[in-house]
Amino acid sequence: MLMVEENNTLPMDRKQVIRRKVMAIGKISRVYSVLKENPEMVNQLKTLSINGKIPVGVLTQGEQGMREALTTYTKTKITKEQKDSHTLYNHPTPNHKITTSGREGHSL
């Protein structure tokens, strides 16, 4: 059985363990409710992320955290696309002359 102190209460260490377990169960419950209530946002986050996974800590922040993550992902994606298109536009192209004969300028 449990060790009981003189005044019929649980030891402090045991209380901390129980408190942490209750807090963990509450956190998991919130995460599942967010997943259940917002499946569209979850799918959007998965498609926008690099590895197809939801970033760590987003679900624990609730719906507001998911909205913030979506706006951050879309802003960074737009910025990256703009940067890539700008880089391709300014990328130097090779300066080759197109000739009809590959041996032009060579004497036999």
PDB file of N, CA and C in Angstrom:
ATOM      1  N   MET A   1       0.840  -1.180   0.000  1.00  0.00           N
ATOM      2  CA  MET A   1       0.000   0.000   0.000  1.00  0.00           C
ATOM      3  C   MET A   1       0.876   1.232   0.000  1.00  0.00           C
ATOM      4  N   LEU A   2       0.238   2.373  -0.109  1.00  0.00           N
ATOM      5  CA  LEU A   2       0.944   3.642  -0.084  1.00  0.00           C
ATOM      6  C   LEU A   2       1.388   3.980   1.324  1.00  0.00           C
ATOM      7  N   MET A   3       2.535   4.626   1.381  1.00  0.00           N
ATOM      8  CA  MET A   3       2.980   5.102   2.690  1.00  0.00           C
ATOM      9  C   MET A   3       2.157   6.328   3.045  1.00  0.00           C
ATOM     10  N   VAL A   4       1.570   6.323   4.194  1.00  0.00           N
ATOM     11  CA  VAL A   4       0.708   7.422   4.611  1.00  0.00           C
ATOM     12  C   VAL A   4       1.373   8.130   5.777  1.00  0.00           C
ATOM     13  N   GLU A   5       1.411   9.455   5.686  1.00  0.00           N
ATOM     14  CA  GLU A   5       1.981  10.226   6.786  1.00  0.00           C
ATOM     15  C   GLU A   5       1.027  10.181   7.970  1.00  0.00           C
ATOM     16  N   GLU A   6       1.447  10.756   9.059  1.00  0.00           N
ATOM     17  CA  GLU A   6       0.671  10.679  10.293  1.00  0.00           C
ATOM     18  C   GLU A   6      -0.722  11.290  10.172  1.00  0.00           C
ATOM     19  N   ASN A   7      -0.884  12.341   9.369  1.00  0.00           N
ATOM     20  CA  ASN A   7      -2.187  12.999   9.287  1.00  0.00           C
ATOM     21  C   ASN A   7      -3.026  12.484   8.109  1.00  0.00           C
ATOM     22  N   ASN A   8      -2.785  11.245   7.697  1.00  0.00           N
ATOM     23  CA  ASN A   8      -3.560  10.559   6.654  1.00  0.00           C
ATOM     24  C   ASN A   8      -3.534  11.279   5.307  1.00  0.00           C
ATOM     25  N   THR A   9      -2.413  11.846   4.929  1.00  0.00           N
ATOM     26  CA  THR A   9      -2.264  12.448   3.604  1.00  0.00           C
ATOM     27  C   THR A   9      -1.156  11.724   2.862  1.00  0.00           C
ATOM     28  N   LEU A  10      -1.167  11.853   1.553  1.00  0.00           N
ATOM     29  CA  LEU A  10      -0.134  11.228   0.737  1.00  0.00           C
ATOM     30  C   LEU A  10       1.169  12.006   0.881  1.00  0.00           C
ATOM     31  N   PRO A  11       2.292  11.335   0.714  1.00  0.00           N
ATOM     32  CA  PRO A  11       3.567  12.053   0.736  1.00  0.00           C
ATOM     33  C   PRO A  11       3.620  13.094  -0.384  1.00  0.00           C
ATOM     34  N   MET A  12       4.423  14.129  -0.208  1.00  0.00           N
ATOM     35  CA  MET A  12       4.497  15.230  -1.168  1.00  0.00           C
ATOM     36  C   MET A  12       4.972  14.763  -2.541  1.00  0.00           C
ATOM     37  N   ASP A  13       5.916  13.827  -2.589  1.00  0.00           N
ATOM     38  CA  ASP A  13       6.394  13.327  -3.872  1.00  0.00           C
ATOM     39  C   ASP A  13       5.273  12.650  -4.647  1.00  0.00           C
ATOM     40  N   ARG A  14       4.487  11.881  -3.966  1.00  0.00           N
ATOM     41  CA  ARG A  14       3.375  11.175  -4.606  1.00  0.00           C
ATOM     42  C   ARG A  14       2.340  12.170  -5.118  1.00  0.00           C
ATOM     43  N   LYS A  15       2.099  13.232  -4.371  1.00  0.00           N
ATOM     44  CA  LYS A  15       1.159  14.271  -4.811  1.00  0.00           C
ATOM     45  C   LYS A  15       1.649  14.924  -6.099  1.00  0.00           C
ATOM     46  N   GLN A  16       2.950  15.172  -6.181  1.00  0.00           N
ATOM     47  CA  GLN A  16       3.512  15.778  -7.387  1.00  0.00           C
ATOM     48  C   GLN A  16       3.345  14.848  -8.594  1.00  0.00           C
ATOM     49  N   VAL A  17       3.571  13.570  -8.388  1.00  0.00           N
ATOM     50  CA  VAL A  17       3.424  12.602  -9.477  1.00  0.00           C
ATOM     51  C   VAL A  17       1.986  12.588  -9.973  1.00  0.00           C
ATOM     52  N   ILE A  18       1.045  12.540  -9.057  1.00  0.00           N
ATOM     53  CA  ILE A  18      -0.370  12.521  -9.431  1.00  0.00           C
ATOM     54  C   ILE A  18      -0.748  13.820 -10.133  1.00  0.00           C
ATOM     55  N   ARG A  19      -0.272  14.945  -9.637  1.00  0.00           N
ATOM     56  CA  ARG A  19      -0.572  16.242 -10.240  1.00  0.00           C
ATOM     57  C   ARG A  19      -0.039  16.307 -11.675  1.00  0.00           C
ATOM     58  N   ARG A  20       1.175  15.812 -11.888  1.00  0.00           N
ATOM     59  CA  ARG A  20       1.751  15.815 -13.243  1.00  0.00           C
ATOM     60  C   ARG A  20       0.953  14.926 -14.189  1.00  0.00           C
ATOM     61  N   LYS A  21       0.504  13.788 -13.691  1.00  0.00           N
ATOM     62  CA  LYS A  21      -0.298  12.894 -14.530  1.00  0.00           C
ATOM     63  C   LYS A  21      -1.619  13.540 -14.918  1.00  0.00           C
ATOM     64  N   VAL A  22      -2.258  14.207 -13.983  1.00  0.00           N
ATOM     65  CA  VAL A  22      -3.524  14.885 -14.269  1.00  0.00           C
ATOM     66  C   VAL A  22      -3.300  15.999 -15.291  1.00  0.00           C
ATOM     67  N   MET A  23      -2.209  16.749 -15.140  1.00  0.00           N
ATOM     68  CA  MET A  23      -1.902  17.821 -16.089  1.00  0.00           C
ATOM     69  C   MET A  23      -1.638  17.251 -17.487  1.00  0.00           C
ATOM     70  N   ALA A  24      -0.935  16.137 -17.566  1.00  0.00           N
ATOM     71  CA  ALA A  24      -0.647  15.510 -18.854  1.00  0.00           C
ATOM     72  C   ALA A  24      -1.927  15.021 -19.521  1.00  0.00           C
ATOM     73  N   ILE A  25      -2.829  14.447 -18.742  1.00  0.00           N
ATOM     74  CA  ILE A  25      -4.103  13.977 -19.293  1.00  0.00           C
ATOM     75  C   ILE A  25      -4.913  15.158 -19.813  1.00  0.00           C
ATOM     76  N   GLY A  26      -4.915  16.263 -19.094  1.00  0.00           N
ATOM     77  CA  GLY A  26      -5.618  17.461 -19.548  1.00  0.00           C
ATOM     78  C   GLY A  26      -5.041  18.003 -20.840  1.00  0.00           C
ATOM     79  N   LYS A  27      -3.720  17.987 -20.956  1.00  0.00           N
ATOM     80  CA  LYS A  27      -3.058  18.479 -22.168  1.00  0.00           C
ATOM     81  C   LYS A  27      -3.407  17.602 -23.368  1.00  0.00           C
ATOM     82  N   ILE A  28      -3.356  16.293 -23.184  1.00  0.00           N
ATOM     83  CA  ILE A  28      -3.704  15.360 -24.258  1.00  0.00           C
ATOM     84  C   ILE A  28      -5.159  15.535 -24.662  1.00  0.00           C
ATOM     85  N   SER A  29      -6.029  15.758 -23.700  1.00  0.00           N
ATOM     86  CA  SER A  29      -7.441  15.974 -23.986  1.00  0.00           C
ATOM     87  C   SER A  29      -7.640  17.222 -24.842  1.00  0.00           C
ATOM     88  N   ARG A  30      -6.933  18.290 -24.524  1.00  0.00           N
ATOM     89  CA  ARG A  30      -7.033  19.517 -25.323  1.00  0.00           C
ATOM     90  C   ARG A  30      -6.527  19.291 -26.741  1.00  0.00           C
ATOM     91  N   VAL A  31      -5.431  18.557 -26.874  1.00  0.00           N
ATOM     92  CA  VAL A  31      -4.870  18.276 -28.201  1.00  0.00           C
ATOM     93  C   VAL A  31      -5.869  17.496 -29.049  1.00  0.00           C
ATOM     94  N   TYR A  32      -6.483  16.464 -28.488  1.00  0.00           N
ATOM     95  CA  TYR A  32      -7.458  15.679 -29.244  1.00  0.00           C
ATOM     96  C   TYR A  32      -8.686  16.502 -29.609  1.00  0.00           C
ATOM     97  N   SER A  33      -9.119  17.382 -28.729  1.00  0.00           N
ATOM     98  CA  SER A  33     -10.279  18.209 -29.065  1.00  0.00           C
ATOM     99  C   SER A  33      -9.941  19.180 -30.191  1.00  0.00           C
ATOM    100  N   VAL A  34      -8.726  19.722 -30.200  1.00  0.00           N
ATOM    101  CA  VAL A  34      -8.312  20.613 -31.293  1.00  0.00           C
ATOM    102  C   VAL A  34      -8.250  19.835 -32.599  1.00  0.00           C
ATOM    103  N   LEU A  35      -7.708  18.629 -32.563  1.00  0.00           N
ATOM    104  CA  LEU A  35      -7.652  17.798 -33.767  1.00  0.00           C
ATOM    105  C   LEU A  35      -9.045  17.482 -34.295  1.00  0.00           C
ATOM    106  N   LYS A  36      -9.954  17.194 -33.397  1.00  0.00           N
ATOM    107  CA  LYS A  36     -11.308  16.808 -33.773  1.00  0.00           C
ATOM    108  C   LYS A  36     -12.105  17.990 -34.324  1.00  0.00           C
ATOM    109  N   GLU A  37     -11.916  19.178 -33.742  1.00  0.00           N
ATOM    110  CA  GLU A  37     -12.698  20.345 -34.132  1.00  0.00           C
ATOM    111  C   GLU A  37     -12.176  21.023 -35.394  1.00  0.00           C
ATOM    112  N   ASN A  38     -10.896  20.874 -35.718  1.00  0.00           N
ATOM    113  CA  ASN A  38     -10.297  21.609 -36.833  1.00  0.00           C
ATOM    114  C   ASN A  38      -9.531  20.699 -37.791  1.00  0.00           C
ATOM    115  N   PRO A  39     -10.186  19.731 -38.408  1.00  0.00           N
ATOM    116  CA  PRO A  39      -9.439  18.832 -39.295  1.00  0.00           C
ATOM    117  C   PRO A  39      -8.921  19.528 -40.555  1.00  0.00           C
ATOM    118  N   GLU A  40      -9.622  20.577 -41.024  1.00  0.00           N
ATOM    119  CA  GLU A  40      -9.176  21.279 -42.228  1.00  0.00           C
ATOM    120  C   GLU A  40      -7.854  21.991 -41.976  1.00  0.00           C
ATOM    121  N   MET A  41      -7.770  22.678 -40.834  1.00  0.00           N
ATOM    122  CA  MET A  41      -6.533  23.388 -40.514  1.00  0.00           C
ATOM    123  C   MET A  41      -5.378  22.418 -40.302  1.00  0.00           C
ATOM    124  N   VAL A  42      -5.671  21.268 -39.721  1.00  0.00           N
ATOM    125  CA  VAL A  42      -4.632  20.260 -39.505  1.00  0.00           C
ATOM    126  C   VAL A  42      -4.084  19.794 -40.849  1.00  0.00           C
ATOM    127  N   ASN A  43      -4.963  19.530 -41.807  1.00  0.00           N
ATOM    128  CA  ASN A  43      -4.518  19.103 -43.136  1.00  0.00           C
ATOM    129  C   ASN A  43      -3.727  20.198 -43.835  1.00  0.00           C
ATOM    130  N   GLN A  44      -4.150  21.459 -43.692  1.00  0.00           N
ATOM    131  CA  GLN A  44      -3.407  22.565 -44.294  1.00  0.00           C
ATOM    132  C   GLN A  44      -2.005  22.661 -43.705  1.00  0.00           C
ATOM    133  N   LEU A  45      -1.911  22.523 -42.395  1.00  0.00           N
ATOM    134  CA  LEU A  45      -0.591  22.566 -41.755  1.00  0.00           C
ATOM    135  C   LEU A  45       0.301  21.432 -42.238  1.00  0.00           C
ATOM    136  N   LYS A  46      -0.281  20.254 -42.391  1.00  0.00           N
ATOM    137  CA  LYS A  46       0.503  19.112 -42.852  1.00  0.00           C
ATOM    138  C   LYS A  46       1.010  19.331 -44.275  1.00  0.00           C
ATOM    139  N   THR A  47       0.164  19.882 -45.137  1.00  0.00           N
ATOM    140  CA  THR A  47       0.589  20.084 -46.520  1.00  0.00           C
ATOM    141  C   THR A  47       1.615  21.206 -46.638  1.00  0.00           C
ATOM    142  N   LEU A  48       1.539  22.209 -45.783  1.00  0.00           N
ATOM    143  CA  LEU A  48       2.484  23.316 -45.858  1.00  0.00           C
ATOM    144  C   LEU A  48       3.834  22.994 -45.237  1.00  0.00           C
ATOM    145  N   SER A  49       3.865  22.051 -44.305  1.00  0.00           N
ATOM    146  CA  SER A  49       5.135  21.747 -43.645  1.00  0.00           C
ATOM    147  C   SER A  49       6.032  20.944 -44.580  1.00  0.00           C
ATOM    148  N   ILE A  50       7.301  20.995 -44.308  1.00  0.00           N
ATOM    149  CA  ILE A  50       8.287  20.343 -45.167  1.00  0.00           C
ATOM    150  C   ILE A  50       8.188  18.824 -45.092  1.00  0.00           C
ATOM    151  N   ASN A  51       8.075  18.303 -43.889  1.00  0.00           N
ATOM    152  CA  ASN A  51       8.083  16.852 -43.707  1.00  0.00           C
ATOM    153  C   ASN A  51       6.691  16.243 -43.588  1.00  0.00           C
ATOM    154  N   GLY A  52       5.639  17.051 -43.756  1.00  0.00           N
ATOM    155  CA  GLY A  52       4.278  16.533 -43.682  1.00  0.00           C
ATOM    156  C   GLY A  52       3.769  16.325 -42.275  1.00  0.00           C
ATOM    157  N   LYS A  53       4.472  16.883 -41.293  1.00  0.00           N
ATOM    158  CA  LYS A  53       4.063  16.742 -39.899  1.00  0.00           C
ATOM    159  C   LYS A  53       3.694  18.104 -39.332  1.00  0.00           C
ATOM    160  N   ILE A  54       2.842  18.078 -38.333  1.00  0.00           N
ATOM    161  CA  ILE A  54       2.457  19.308 -37.649  1.00  0.00           C
ATOM    162  C   ILE A  54       3.609  19.716 -36.736  1.00  0.00           C
ATOM    163  N   PRO A  55       3.981  20.986 -36.739  1.00  0.00           N
ATOM    164  CA  PRO A  55       5.081  21.425 -35.871  1.00  0.00           C
ATOM    165  C   PRO A  55       4.792  21.161 -34.397  1.00  0.00           C
ATOM    166  N   VAL A  56       5.841  20.917 -33.647  1.00  0.00           N
ATOM    167  CA  VAL A  56       5.728  20.608 -32.222  1.00  0.00           C
ATOM    168  C   VAL A  56       5.161  21.812 -31.473  1.00  0.00           C
ATOM    169  N   GLY A  57       4.172  21.562 -30.629  1.00  0.00           N
ATOM    170  CA  GLY A  57       3.620  22.606 -29.776  1.00  0.00           C
ATOM    171  C   GLY A  57       2.457  23.375 -30.362  1.00  0.00           C
ATOM    172  N   VAL A  58       2.157  23.180 -31.632  1.00  0.00           N
ATOM    173  CA  VAL A  58       1.069  23.945 -32.257  1.00  0.00           C
ATOM    174  C   VAL A  58      -0.280  23.492 -31.723  1.00  0.00           C
ATOM    175  N   LEU A  59      -0.477  22.202 -31.578  1.00  0.00           N
ATOM    176  CA  LEU A  59      -1.769  21.695 -31.116  1.00  0.00           C
ATOM    177  C   LEU A  59      -2.049  22.077 -29.671  1.00  0.00           C
ATOM    178  N   THR A  60      -1.010  22.181 -28.864  1.00  0.00           N
ATOM    179  CA  THR A  60      -1.230  22.548 -27.464  1.00  0.00           C
ATOM    180  C   THR A  60      -1.631  24.005 -27.323  1.00  0.00           C
ATOM    181  N   GLN A  61      -1.343  24.823 -28.339  1.00  0.00           N
ATOM    182  CA  GLN A  61      -1.735  26.230 -28.306  1.00  0.00           C
ATOM    183  C   GLN A  61      -3.183  26.426 -28.722  1.00  0.00           C
ATOM    184  N   GLY A  62      -3.809  25.393 -29.230  1.00  0.00           N
ATOM    185  CA  GLY A  62      -5.211  25.474 -29.602  1.00  0.00           C
ATOM    186  C   GLY A  62      -5.420  26.021 -31.000  1.00  0.00           C
ATOM    187  N   GLU A  63      -6.654  26.435 -31.257  1.00  0.00           N
ATOM    188  CA  GLU A  63      -7.015  26.928 -32.585  1.00  0.00           C
ATOM    189  C   GLU A  63      -6.230  28.184 -32.943  1.00  0.00           C
ATOM    190  N   GLN A  64      -6.033  29.059 -31.979  1.00  0.00           N
ATOM    191  CA  GLN A  64      -5.285  30.295 -32.232  1.00  0.00           C
ATOM    192  C   GLN A  64      -3.844  29.985 -32.652  1.00  0.00           C
ATOM    193  N   GLY A  65      -3.218  29.036 -32.007  1.00  0.00           N
ATOM    194  CA  GLY A  65      -1.860  28.643 -32.373  1.00  0.00           C
ATOM    195  C   GLY A  65      -1.789  28.064 -33.776  1.00  0.00           C
ATOM    196  N   MET A  66      -2.823  27.310 -34.154  1.00  0.00           N
ATOM    197  CA  MET A  66      -2.861  26.755 -35.502  1.00  0.00           C
ATOM    198  C   MET A  66      -3.017  27.860 -36.535  1.00  0.00           C
ATOM    199  N   ARG A  67      -3.856  28.848 -36.242  1.00  0.00           N
ATOM    200  CA  ARG A  67      -4.024  29.971 -37.174  1.00  0.00           C
ATOM    201  C   ARG A  67      -2.715  30.740 -37.347  1.00  0.00           C
ATOM    202  N   GLU A  68      -2.017  30.975 -36.239  1.00  0.00           N
ATOM    203  CA  GLU A  68      -0.737  31.685 -36.307  1.00  0.00           C
ATOM    204  C   GLU A  68       0.285  30.890 -37.118  1.00  0.00           C
ATOM    205  N   ALA A  69       0.320  29.581 -36.923  1.00  0.00           N
ATOM    206  CA  ALA A  69       1.254  28.741 -37.671  1.00  0.00           C
ATOM    207  C   ALA A  69       0.924  28.760 -39.160  1.00  0.00           C
ATOM    208  N   LEU A  70      -0.364  28.734 -39.502  1.00  0.00           N
ATOM    209  CA  LEU A  70      -0.764  28.791 -40.912  1.00  0.00           C
ATOM    210  C   LEU A  70      -0.336  30.105 -41.553  1.00  0.00           C
ATOM    211  N   THR A  71      -0.568  31.218 -40.862  1.00  0.00           N
ATOM    212  CA  THR A  71      -0.163  32.508 -41.437  1.00  0.00           C
ATOM    213  C   THR A  71       1.350  32.590 -41.570  1.00  0.00           C
ATOM    214  N   THR A  72       2.070  32.057 -40.606  1.00  0.00           N
ATOM    215  CA  THR A  72       3.534  32.065 -40.688  1.00  0.00           C
ATOM    216  C   THR A  72       4.013  31.232 -41.866  1.00  0.00           C
ATOM    217  N   TYR A  73       3.448  30.033 -42.032  1.00  0.00           N
ATOM    218  CA  TYR A  73       3.841  29.170 -43.144  1.00  0.00           C
ATOM    219  C   TYR A  73       3.528  29.820 -44.485  1.00  0.00           C
ATOM    220  N   THR A  74       2.339  30.407 -44.612  1.00  0.00           N
ATOM    221  CA  THR A  74       1.990  31.002 -45.898  1.00  0.00           C
ATOM    222  C   THR A  74       2.865  32.210 -46.200  1.00  0.00           C
ATOM    223  N   LYS A  75       3.178  33.007 -45.181  1.00  0.00           N
ATOM    224  CA  LYS A  75       4.060  34.162 -45.408  1.00  0.00           C
ATOM    225  C   LYS A  75       5.450  33.715 -45.829  1.00  0.00           C
ATOM    226  N   THR A  76       5.993  32.712 -45.157  1.00  0.00           N
ATOM    227  CA  THR A  76       7.334  32.249 -45.517  1.00  0.00           C
ATOM    228  C   THR A  76       7.334  31.574 -46.881  1.00  0.00           C
ATOM    229  N   LYS A  77       6.251  30.892 -47.219  1.00  0.00           N
ATOM    230  CA  LYS A  77       6.173  30.243 -48.525  1.00  0.00           C
ATOM    231  C   LYS A  77       6.112  31.290 -49.629  1.00  0.00           C
ATOM    232  N   ILE A  78       5.311  32.337 -49.432  1.00  0.00           N
ATOM    233  CA  ILE A  78       5.214  33.406 -50.422  1.00  0.00           C
ATOM    234  C   ILE A  78       6.557  34.111 -50.554  1.00  0.00           C
ATOM    235  N   THR A  79       7.195  34.396 -49.435  1.00  0.00           N
ATOM    236  CA  THR A  79       8.490  35.064 -49.460  1.00  0.00           C
ATOM    237  C   THR A  79       9.522  34.207 -50.177  1.00  0.00           C
ATOM    238  N   LYS A  80       9.518  32.908 -49.925  1.00  0.00           N
ATOM    239  CA  LYS A  80      10.470  32.009 -50.573  1.00  0.00           C
ATOM    240  C   LYS A  80      10.217  31.952 -52.078  1.00  0.00           C
ATOM    241  N   GLU A  81       8.943  31.889 -52.480  1.00  0.00           N
ATOM    242  CA  GLU A  81       8.621  31.857 -53.905  1.00  0.00           C
ATOM    243  C   GLU A  81       9.059  33.144 -54.586  1.00  0.00           C
ATOM    244  N   GLN A  82       8.842  34.282 -53.927  1.00  0.00           N
ATOM    245  CA  GLN A  82       9.272  35.553 -54.496  1.00  0.00           C
ATOM    246  C   GLN A  82      10.790  35.601 -54.613  1.00  0.00           C
ATOM    247  N   LYS A  83      11.472  35.118 -53.605  1.00  0.00           N
ATOM    248  CA  LYS A  83      12.932  35.110 -53.622  1.00  0.00           C
ATOM    249  C   LYS A  83      13.442  34.212 -54.743  1.00  0.00           C
ATOM    250  N   ASP A  84      12.839  33.031 -54.899  1.00  0.00           N
ATOM    251  CA  ASP A  84      13.260  32.105 -55.946  1.00  0.00           C
ATOM    252  C   ASP A  84      13.022  32.689 -57.334  1.00  0.00           C
ATOM    253  N   SER A  85      11.866  33.312 -57.540  1.00  0.00           N
ATOM    254  CA  SER A  85      11.587  33.891 -58.853  1.00  0.00           C
ATOM    255  C   SER A  85      12.515  35.064 -59.126  1.00  0.00           C
ATOM    256  N   HIS A  86      12.826  35.841 -58.111  1.00  0.00           N
ATOM    257  CA  HIS A  86      13.741  36.967 -58.265  1.00  0.00           C
ATOM    258  C   HIS A  86      15.143  36.457 -58.595  1.00  0.00           C
ATOM    259  N   THR A  87      15.563  35.381 -57.968  1.00  0.00           N
ATOM    260  CA  THR A  87      16.879  34.810 -58.214  1.00  0.00           C
ATOM    261  C   THR A  87      16.956  34.257 -59.632  1.00  0.00           C
ATOM    262  N   LEU A  88      15.910  33.576 -60.075  1.00  0.00           N
ATOM    263  CA  LEU A  88      15.910  33.037 -61.434  1.00  0.00           C
ATOM    264  C   LEU A  88      15.910  34.153 -62.468  1.00  0.00           C
ATOM    265  N   TYR A  89      15.220  35.231 -62.175  1.00  0.00           N
ATOM    266  CA  TYR A  89      15.156  36.351 -63.108  1.00  0.00           C
ATOM    267  C   TYR A  89      16.526  37.007 -63.248  1.00  0.00           C
ATOM    268  N   ASN A  90      17.247  37.134 -62.166  1.00  0.00           N
ATOM    269  CA  ASN A  90      18.547  37.793 -62.188  1.00  0.00           C
ATOM    270  C   ASN A  90      19.711  36.832 -62.398  1.00  0.00           C
ATOM    271  N   HIS A  91      19.421  35.573 -62.583  1.00  0.00           N
ATOM    272  CA  HIS A  91      20.465  34.575 -62.754  1.00  0.00           C
ATOM    273  C   HIS A  91      21.134  34.775 -64.111  1.00  0.00           C
ATOM    274  N   PRO A  92      22.450  34.832 -64.155  1.00  0.00           N
ATOM    275  CA  PRO A  92      23.120  35.037 -65.445  1.00  0.00           C
ATOM    276  C   PRO A  92      22.951  33.818 -66.344  1.00  0.00           C
ATOM    277  N   THR A  93      22.796  34.090 -67.614  1.00  0.00           N
ATOM    278  CA  THR A  93      22.651  33.015 -68.587  1.00  0.00           C
ATOM    279  C   THR A  93      23.973  32.838 -69.320  1.00  0.00           C
ATOM    280  N   PRO A  94      24.260  31.664 -69.803  1.00  0.00           N
ATOM    281  CA  PRO A  94      25.514  31.460 -70.529  1.00  0.00           C
ATOM    282  C   PRO A  94      25.514  32.260 -71.825  1.00  0.00           C
ATOM    283  N   ASN A  95      26.677  32.742 -72.209  1.00  0.00           N
ATOM    284  CA  ASN A  95      26.808  33.598 -73.381  1.00  0.00           C
ATOM    285  C   ASN A  95      27.433  32.796 -74.519  1.00  0.00           C
ATOM    286  N   HIS A  96      26.671  31.873 -75.087  1.00  0.00           N
ATOM    287  CA  HIS A  96      27.167  31.018 -76.164  1.00  0.00           C
ATOM    288  C   HIS A  96      26.587  31.492 -77.487  1.00  0.00           C
ATOM    289  N   LYS A  97      27.438  31.458 -78.522  1.00  0.00           N
ATOM    290  CA  LYS A  97      26.954  31.741 -79.867  1.00  0.00           C
ATOM    291  C   LYS A  97      26.418  30.449 -80.465  1.00  0.00           C
ATOM    292  N   ILE A  98      25.312  30.573 -81.122  1.00  0.00           N
ATOM    293  CA  ILE A  98      24.745  29.408 -81.792  1.00  0.00           C
ATOM    294  C   ILE A  98      25.280  29.412 -83.213  1.00  0.00           C
ATOM    295  N   THR A  99      25.949  28.356 -83.591  1.00  0.00           N
ATOM    296  CA  THR A  99      26.517  28.260 -84.935  1.00  0.00           C
ATOM    297  C   THR A  99      25.937  27.053 -85.641  1.00  0.00           C
ATOM    298  N   THR A 100      26.039  27.079 -86.954  1.00  0.00           N
ATOM    299  CA  THR A 100      25.521  25.963 -87.733  1.00  0.00           C
ATOM    300  C   THR A 100      26.507  24.811 -87.766  1.00  0.00           C
ATOM    301  N   SER A 101      27.777  25.114 -87.700  1.00  0.00           N
ATOM    302  CA  SER A 101      28.787  24.065 -87.727  1.00  0.00           C
ATOM    303  C   SER A 101      29.540  24.084 -86.404  1.00  0.00           C
ATOM    304  N   GLY A 102      29.784  22.944 -85.898  1.00  0.00           N
ATOM    305  CA  GLY A 102      30.485  22.855 -84.636  1.00  0.00           C
ATOM    306  C   GLY A 102      31.974  23.129 -84.774  1.00  0.00           C
ATOM    307  N   ARG A 103      32.515  23.110 -86.022  1.00  0.00           N
ATOM    308  CA  ARG A 103      33.941  23.300 -86.239  1.00  0.00           C
ATOM    309  C   ARG A 103      34.231  24.633 -86.908  1.00  0.00           C
ATOM    310  N   GLU A 104      33.369  25.558 -86.774  1.00  0.00           N
ATOM    311  CA  GLU A 104      33.559  26.858 -87.407  1.00  0.00           C
ATOM    312  C   GLU A 104      34.770  27.553 -86.795  1.00  0.00           C
ATOM    313  N   GLY A 105      35.604  28.105 -87.633  1.00  0.00           N
ATOM    314  CA  GLY A 105      36.788  28.794 -87.162  1.00  0.00           C
ATOM    315  C   GLY A 105      38.005  27.896 -87.101  1.00  0.00           C
ATOM    316  N   HIS A 106      37.829  26.614 -87.339  1.00  0.00           N
ATOM    317  CA  HIS A 106      38.963  25.690 -87.333  1.00  0.00           C
ATOM    318  C   HIS A 106      39.336  25.378 -88.779  1.00  0.00           C
ATOM    319  N   SER A 107      40.596  25.408 -89.060  1.00  0.00           N
ATOM    320  CA  SER A 107      41.021  25.096 -90.425  1.00  0.00           C
ATOM    321  C   SER A 107      41.510  23.660 -90.496  1.00  0.00           C
ATOM    322  N   LEU A 108      41.351  23.081 -91.680  1.00  0.00           N
ATOM    323  CA  LEU A 108      41.773  21.691 -91.852  1.00  0.00           C
ATOM    324  C   LEU A 108      43.074  21.583 -92.541  1.00  0.00           C
TER     325      LEU A 108
END
